[in-house]
Amino acid sequence: MSKITKAIIPAAGLGTRFLPETKALPKEMLPIVDTPTIQYIVSEAKQSGIKDVLIVIGKGKWSIENHFDANPELEANLAKRGKNDLLKLICKTNNMNIYFTRQPHPHGLGDAIYTARSFVGNDPFAVLLGDDVTRDKTPLTKQLINSFTETGAATLAVKRVPRRDVSKYGIIDPAKQVTPGLYNVKRFVEKPDPQTAPSDLAIIGRYVLTPQIFTALSETQPDSSGEIQLTTAIDILNQTQRVFAHEFKGERYDTGNKLSWLETNIKFGLRNPEIAGDLKKYLKETVFAMKSTK
């Protein structure tokens, strides 16, 4: 069985939920405290043993390339001034190969993955979406790779969500629990009605896929918005191969909309030793002031 050393990070979306900020700045470069969101995604890939990452970008995403490019002048300046801690922060992707390709037209997540077929070749690979930042003792992508090593089958990450929220996600219909937290999947249902949803296990943004997904993607018809949905292609793949769902029980932070992005910044800020104390004080004072004005 091939070892998984390749990953795709789709980053070609228009980021319309964050306009006007994302007119000039890619959504993936929005910071969580002081670190662009996409750096957390790349760091998870590195911690999971990934050696080669392909970031699929679209028009106007040049700042992502710049962020992961070397900056000899800045690095030399920091080294000369003895700013070794800062130097480590900007060199976190050492020992990784990061490549870029363009998705010419925004035809959906499935289409973005399909553009990477030459990069993947005949190897299994990971997919990490930028809206989900995760934390656990073992990185989520590594958990999926471990599951794949056991089953040899495509595996995606799921997490339980409140029943009222299932209409926001792709939901799995589990056939059975093969081992604790690992489900064989009968089918996938995109954004079901809470009353008829087959489970509360929602697909989150991590996958380990076999190269056969590209055949499934080529057979996937565009949806009503003209987009190729990855979930639909996985459902097609599931008709000829087993597909598993791994339940993630660690922390998941959603950065896909303004409110959840702000919540994520607060949570990460409260763990940041540089600002945690002052931030906690500010939050307490703000809450007290709000209560006082009622």
Protein backbone atom coordinates (compact mmCIF):
# COMPACT_ATOMS: atom_id res chain seq x y z
CA MET A 1 0.00 0.00 0.00
CA SER A 2 1.34 3.42 -0.98
CA LYS A 3 2.33 5.72 1.85
CA ILE A 4 0.36 8.98 1.87
CA THR A 5 2.77 11.87 1.38
CA LYS A 6 0.70 14.16 -0.89
CA ALA A 7 -2.05 16.59 0.01
CA ILE A 8 -4.31 19.00 -1.83
CA ILE A 9 -5.50 22.24 -0.24
CA PRO A 10 -8.24 23.93 -2.30
CA ALA A 11 -7.99 27.72 -1.95
CA ALA A 12 -9.69 29.03 -5.08
CA GLY A 13 -13.00 30.19 -3.59
CA LEU A 14 -14.19 33.77 -3.98
CA GLY A 15 -14.71 34.34 -0.25
CA THR A 16 -17.95 36.25 -0.77
CA ARG A 17 -19.01 35.83 2.89
CA PHE A 18 -16.14 38.11 3.93
CA LEU A 19 -16.58 40.93 1.43
CA PRO A 20 -15.40 43.65 1.21
CA GLU A 21 -12.24 42.35 2.95
CA THR A 22 -11.80 39.50 0.46
CA LYS A 23 -12.00 41.72 -2.60
CA ALA A 24 -8.22 42.10 -2.34
CA LEU A 25 -7.20 39.62 0.37
CA PRO A 26 -7.81 35.88 -0.03
CA LYS A 27 -10.09 34.47 2.66
CA GLU A 28 -7.41 31.87 3.42
CA MET A 29 -5.06 34.68 4.46
CA LEU A 30 -7.42 36.06 7.11
CA PRO A 31 -5.51 35.74 10.39
CA ILE A 32 -6.34 33.78 13.48
CA VAL A 33 -4.71 36.18 15.95
CA ASP A 34 -1.40 36.59 14.06
CA THR A 35 -1.29 33.56 11.75
CA PRO A 36 -3.05 33.20 8.38
CA THR A 37 -5.67 30.47 8.50
CA ILE A 38 -4.05 28.53 5.66
CA GLN A 39 -0.81 28.22 7.64
CA TYR A 40 -2.66 26.19 10.28
CA ILE A 41 -3.85 23.88 7.49
CA VAL A 42 -0.36 23.46 6.02
CA SER A 43 1.08 22.88 9.50
CA GLU A 44 -1.44 20.09 10.12
CA ALA A 45 -0.38 18.47 6.85
CA LYS A 46 3.28 18.67 7.86
CA GLN A 47 2.59 17.21 11.33
CA SER A 48 0.74 14.35 9.61
CA GLY A 49 3.75 13.31 7.55
CA ILE A 50 2.81 15.04 4.29
CA LYS A 51 5.82 15.97 2.17
CA ASP A 52 4.22 17.46 -0.95
CA VAL A 53 1.34 19.95 -0.87
CA LEU A 54 -0.51 21.34 -3.85
CA ILE A 55 -2.52 24.49 -3.15
CA VAL A 56 -5.21 25.10 -5.75
CA ILE A 57 -5.67 28.85 -6.13
CA GLY A 58 -7.74 31.17 -8.28
CA LYS A 59 -7.41 34.69 -9.59
CA GLY A 60 -6.05 37.24 -7.13
CA LYS A 61 -4.56 34.70 -4.71
CA TRP A 62 -0.92 35.70 -5.24
CA SER A 63 -0.50 36.64 -1.55
CA ILE A 64 -0.83 32.94 -0.61
CA GLU A 65 2.14 32.15 -2.86
CA ASN A 66 4.10 35.04 -1.35
CA HIS A 67 3.35 33.87 2.18
CA PHE A 68 4.87 30.44 1.57
CA ASP A 69 7.75 31.74 -0.54
CA ALA A 70 11.18 32.39 0.95
CA ASN A 71 11.97 35.97 1.97
CA PRO A 72 15.79 36.07 2.17
CA GLU A 73 15.96 39.77 3.09
CA LEU A 74 13.54 39.40 6.03
CA GLU A 75 15.15 36.14 7.16
CA ALA A 76 18.64 37.67 7.07
CA ASN A 77 17.43 40.73 8.98
CA LEU A 78 15.85 38.63 11.73
CA ALA A 79 18.92 36.41 11.99
CA LYS A 80 21.24 39.44 12.22
CA ARG A 81 19.13 40.93 15.03
CA GLY A 82 18.95 37.63 16.91
CA LYS A 83 15.18 37.35 16.45
CA ASN A 84 15.34 33.55 16.30
CA ASP A 85 11.80 33.04 17.63
CA LEU A 86 10.36 35.16 14.83
CA LEU A 87 12.64 33.43 12.32
CA LYS A 88 11.19 30.06 13.33
CA LEU A 89 7.67 31.39 12.85
CA ILE A 90 8.23 32.28 9.20
CA CYS A 91 10.18 29.09 8.38
CA LYS A 92 7.60 26.57 9.61
CA THR A 93 7.24 24.86 6.22
CA ASN A 94 10.88 23.79 5.91
CA ASN A 95 11.26 20.21 4.66
CA MET A 96 8.00 20.44 2.70
CA ASN A 97 7.45 21.00 -1.00
CA ILE A 98 4.61 23.44 -1.67
CA TYR A 99 3.28 23.78 -5.20
CA PHE A 100 0.53 25.88 -6.73
CA THR A 101 -1.88 25.41 -9.59
CA ARG A 102 -4.75 27.51 -10.89
CA GLN A 103 -8.42 26.63 -11.08
CA PRO A 104 -9.36 28.74 -14.11
CA HIS A 105 -13.08 28.90 -13.32
CA PRO A 106 -14.85 28.56 -9.94
CA HIS A 107 -16.72 25.34 -10.71
CA GLY A 108 -16.79 23.94 -7.19
CA LEU A 109 -14.70 21.89 -4.81
CA GLY A 110 -14.86 18.75 -6.94
CA ASP A 111 -13.50 20.64 -9.93
CA ALA A 112 -10.68 22.09 -7.80
CA ILE A 113 -9.68 18.56 -6.76
CA TYR A 114 -9.87 17.36 -10.36
CA THR A 115 -7.29 19.96 -11.44
CA ALA A 116 -4.77 18.16 -9.19
CA ARG A 117 -4.98 14.74 -10.90
CA SER A 118 -1.53 15.04 -12.55
CA PHE A 119 0.03 15.98 -9.21
CA VAL A 120 -1.58 12.98 -7.48
CA GLY A 121 -0.92 10.38 -10.18
CA ASN A 122 -1.73 6.89 -8.91
CA ASP A 123 -1.17 7.59 -5.22
CA PRO A 124 -3.69 7.96 -2.40
CA PHE A 125 -3.74 11.50 -1.07
CA ALA A 126 -5.18 13.80 1.58
CA VAL A 127 -7.47 16.79 1.11
CA LEU A 128 -7.56 19.57 3.70
CA LEU A 129 -10.15 22.34 3.44
CA GLY A 130 -9.32 25.78 4.78
CA ASP A 131 -12.56 26.52 6.63
CA ASP A 132 -11.87 23.92 9.33
CA VAL A 133 -9.03 24.36 11.80
CA THR A 134 -8.68 21.36 14.10
CA ARG A 135 -6.77 20.50 17.29
CA ASP A 136 -6.10 17.12 18.86
CA LYS A 137 -3.17 15.16 20.29
CA THR A 138 -2.93 13.38 16.95
CA PRO A 139 -3.63 15.72 14.01
CA LEU A 140 -6.90 14.90 12.26
CA THR A 141 -5.22 14.25 8.91
CA LYS A 142 -2.88 11.78 10.62
CA GLN A 143 -5.90 10.06 12.18
CA LEU A 144 -7.38 9.60 8.69
CA ILE A 145 -4.08 8.31 7.35
CA ASN A 146 -3.95 5.78 10.19
CA SER A 147 -7.49 4.64 9.35
CA PHE A 148 -6.56 4.32 5.68
CA THR A 149 -3.55 2.21 6.61
CA GLU A 150 -5.92 -0.23 8.32
CA THR A 151 -8.67 -0.32 5.67
CA GLY A 152 -7.00 0.66 2.39
CA ALA A 153 -10.18 2.58 1.55
CA ALA A 154 -11.14 6.23 1.11
CA THR A 155 -11.87 7.79 4.50
CA LEU A 156 -13.37 11.13 5.40
CA ALA A 157 -13.73 12.97 8.69
CA VAL A 158 -17.09 13.47 10.38
CA LYS A 159 -18.13 15.14 13.60
CA ARG A 160 -21.42 15.12 15.45
CA VAL A 161 -23.40 18.36 15.17
CA PRO A 162 -26.67 19.45 16.78
CA ARG A 163 -29.61 17.94 14.89
CA ARG A 164 -30.92 21.44 14.11
CA ASP A 165 -27.68 22.20 12.18
CA VAL A 166 -27.53 19.14 9.91
CA SER A 167 -29.00 21.13 7.00
CA LYS A 168 -25.72 23.09 6.85
CA TYR A 169 -23.60 20.00 6.09
CA GLY A 170 -23.15 16.87 4.09
CA ILE A 171 -24.37 14.06 6.36
CA ILE A 172 -23.44 10.38 6.25
CA ASP A 173 -25.83 7.46 6.42
CA PRO A 174 -23.71 4.96 8.38
CA ALA A 175 -24.12 1.26 7.62
CA LYS A 176 -22.34 0.05 10.73
CA GLN A 177 -19.56 0.93 13.13
CA VAL A 178 -16.62 -1.23 12.07
CA THR A 179 -14.42 -0.23 15.01
CA PRO A 180 -15.07 2.48 17.62
CA GLY A 181 -15.45 5.74 15.72
CA LEU A 182 -15.03 4.22 12.24
CA TYR A 183 -18.18 3.82 10.15
CA ASN A 184 -18.88 2.05 6.90
CA VAL A 185 -21.01 4.45 4.87
CA LYS A 186 -24.12 3.56 2.87
CA ARG A 187 -24.66 6.97 1.29
CA PHE A 188 -24.08 10.67 1.63
CA VAL A 189 -26.85 13.23 1.88
CA GLU A 190 -26.09 16.87 1.09
CA LYS A 191 -27.73 19.35 3.51
CA PRO A 192 -30.73 17.20 4.52
CA ASP A 193 -33.81 18.33 6.38
CA PRO A 194 -33.24 17.81 10.14
CA GLN A 195 -36.39 15.69 10.30
CA THR A 196 -35.21 13.21 7.65
CA ALA A 197 -31.42 13.30 8.08
CA PRO A 198 -29.99 9.76 8.42
CA SER A 199 -27.63 10.79 11.25
CA ASP A 200 -26.03 13.76 12.99
CA LEU A 201 -22.55 12.89 11.68
CA ALA A 202 -21.48 15.83 9.51
CA ILE A 203 -18.65 15.76 6.99
CA ILE A 204 -15.90 18.20 7.94
CA GLY A 205 -13.02 19.35 5.82
CA ARG A 206 -10.57 16.44 5.86
CA TYR A 207 -10.40 13.49 3.47
CA VAL A 208 -8.06 10.69 2.45
CA LEU A 209 -8.95 9.59 -1.07
CA THR A 210 -7.81 7.03 -3.61
CA PRO A 211 -6.96 8.14 -7.17
CA GLN A 212 -10.17 6.48 -8.38
CA ILE A 213 -11.95 9.61 -7.15
CA PHE A 214 -10.89 11.31 -10.37
CA THR A 215 -12.92 8.85 -12.44
CA ALA A 216 -15.88 9.54 -10.17
CA LEU A 217 -15.36 13.29 -10.54
CA SER A 218 -15.32 12.96 -14.33
CA GLU A 219 -18.73 11.26 -14.07
CA THR A 220 -20.21 13.82 -11.67
CA GLN A 221 -22.78 16.17 -13.16
CA PRO A 222 -22.76 19.84 -12.12
CA ASP A 223 -25.38 20.84 -9.57
CA SER A 224 -27.96 23.60 -10.06
CA SER A 225 -25.23 26.21 -9.41
CA GLY A 226 -22.97 24.71 -12.06
CA GLU A 227 -20.54 23.31 -9.49
CA ILE A 228 -19.00 19.85 -9.25
CA GLN A 229 -19.58 18.61 -5.70
CA LEU A 230 -16.92 16.41 -4.11
CA THR A 231 -19.56 14.75 -1.90
CA THR A 232 -21.46 13.62 -5.00
CA ALA A 233 -18.29 12.11 -6.48
CA ILE A 234 -17.54 10.28 -3.22
CA ASP A 235 -21.07 8.86 -3.35
CA ILE A 236 -20.33 7.57 -6.86
CA LEU A 237 -17.02 6.10 -5.63
CA ASN A 238 -18.91 4.41 -2.81
CA GLN A 239 -20.85 2.35 -5.35
CA THR A 240 -17.72 0.46 -6.40
CA GLN A 241 -15.43 0.80 -3.36
CA ARG A 242 -15.85 0.92 0.37
CA VAL A 243 -15.80 4.41 1.86
CA PHE A 244 -15.33 4.94 5.58
CA ALA A 245 -16.08 7.83 7.91
CA HIS A 246 -13.82 8.53 10.88
CA GLU A 247 -15.48 10.35 13.77
CA PHE A 248 -13.33 13.22 14.99
CA LYS A 249 -13.64 13.93 18.70
CA GLY A 250 -11.09 16.72 19.00
CA GLU A 251 -11.63 20.46 18.72
CA ARG A 252 -12.93 21.93 15.47
CA TYR A 253 -12.95 25.63 14.71
CA ASP A 254 -15.08 26.91 11.83
CA THR A 255 -13.64 29.94 10.03
CA GLY A 256 -16.13 29.91 7.16
CA ASN A 257 -18.26 32.88 8.25
CA LYS A 258 -17.73 36.15 10.09
CA LEU A 259 -19.15 35.15 13.44
CA SER A 260 -17.39 31.78 13.68
CA TRP A 261 -14.12 33.39 12.53
CA LEU A 262 -14.40 35.99 15.31
CA GLU A 263 -15.21 33.26 17.85
CA THR A 264 -12.15 31.31 16.70
CA ASN A 265 -9.94 34.38 17.13
CA ILE A 266 -11.19 34.88 20.67
CA LYS A 267 -10.61 31.23 21.61
CA PHE A 268 -7.09 31.21 20.15
CA GLY A 269 -6.37 34.61 21.69
CA LEU A 270 -7.25 33.27 25.14
CA ARG A 271 -4.58 30.58 24.65
CA ASN A 272 -1.94 32.99 23.39
CA PRO A 273 0.42 33.82 26.30
CA GLU A 274 1.31 37.17 24.74
CA ILE A 275 -2.25 38.55 24.88
CA ALA A 276 -4.37 36.10 26.91
CA GLY A 277 -4.35 38.09 30.15
CA ASP A 278 -5.26 41.43 28.58
CA LEU A 279 -7.87 39.83 26.32
CA LYS A 280 -9.56 38.07 29.24
CA LYS A 281 -9.63 41.36 31.17
CA TYR A 282 -11.12 43.18 28.18
CA LEU A 283 -13.82 40.55 27.69
CA LYS A 284 -14.81 40.68 31.36
CA GLU A 285 -14.99 44.49 31.28
CA THR A 286 -17.02 44.41 28.08
CA VAL A 287 -19.52 41.89 29.43
CA PHE A 288 -19.83 43.87 32.68
CA ALA A 289 -20.43 47.10 30.73
CA MET A 290 -23.10 45.41 28.61
CA LYS A 291 -24.90 44.12 31.71
CA SER A 292 -24.70 47.55 33.33
CA THR A 293 -26.44 49.25 30.39
CA LYS A 294 -29.47 46.93 30.50
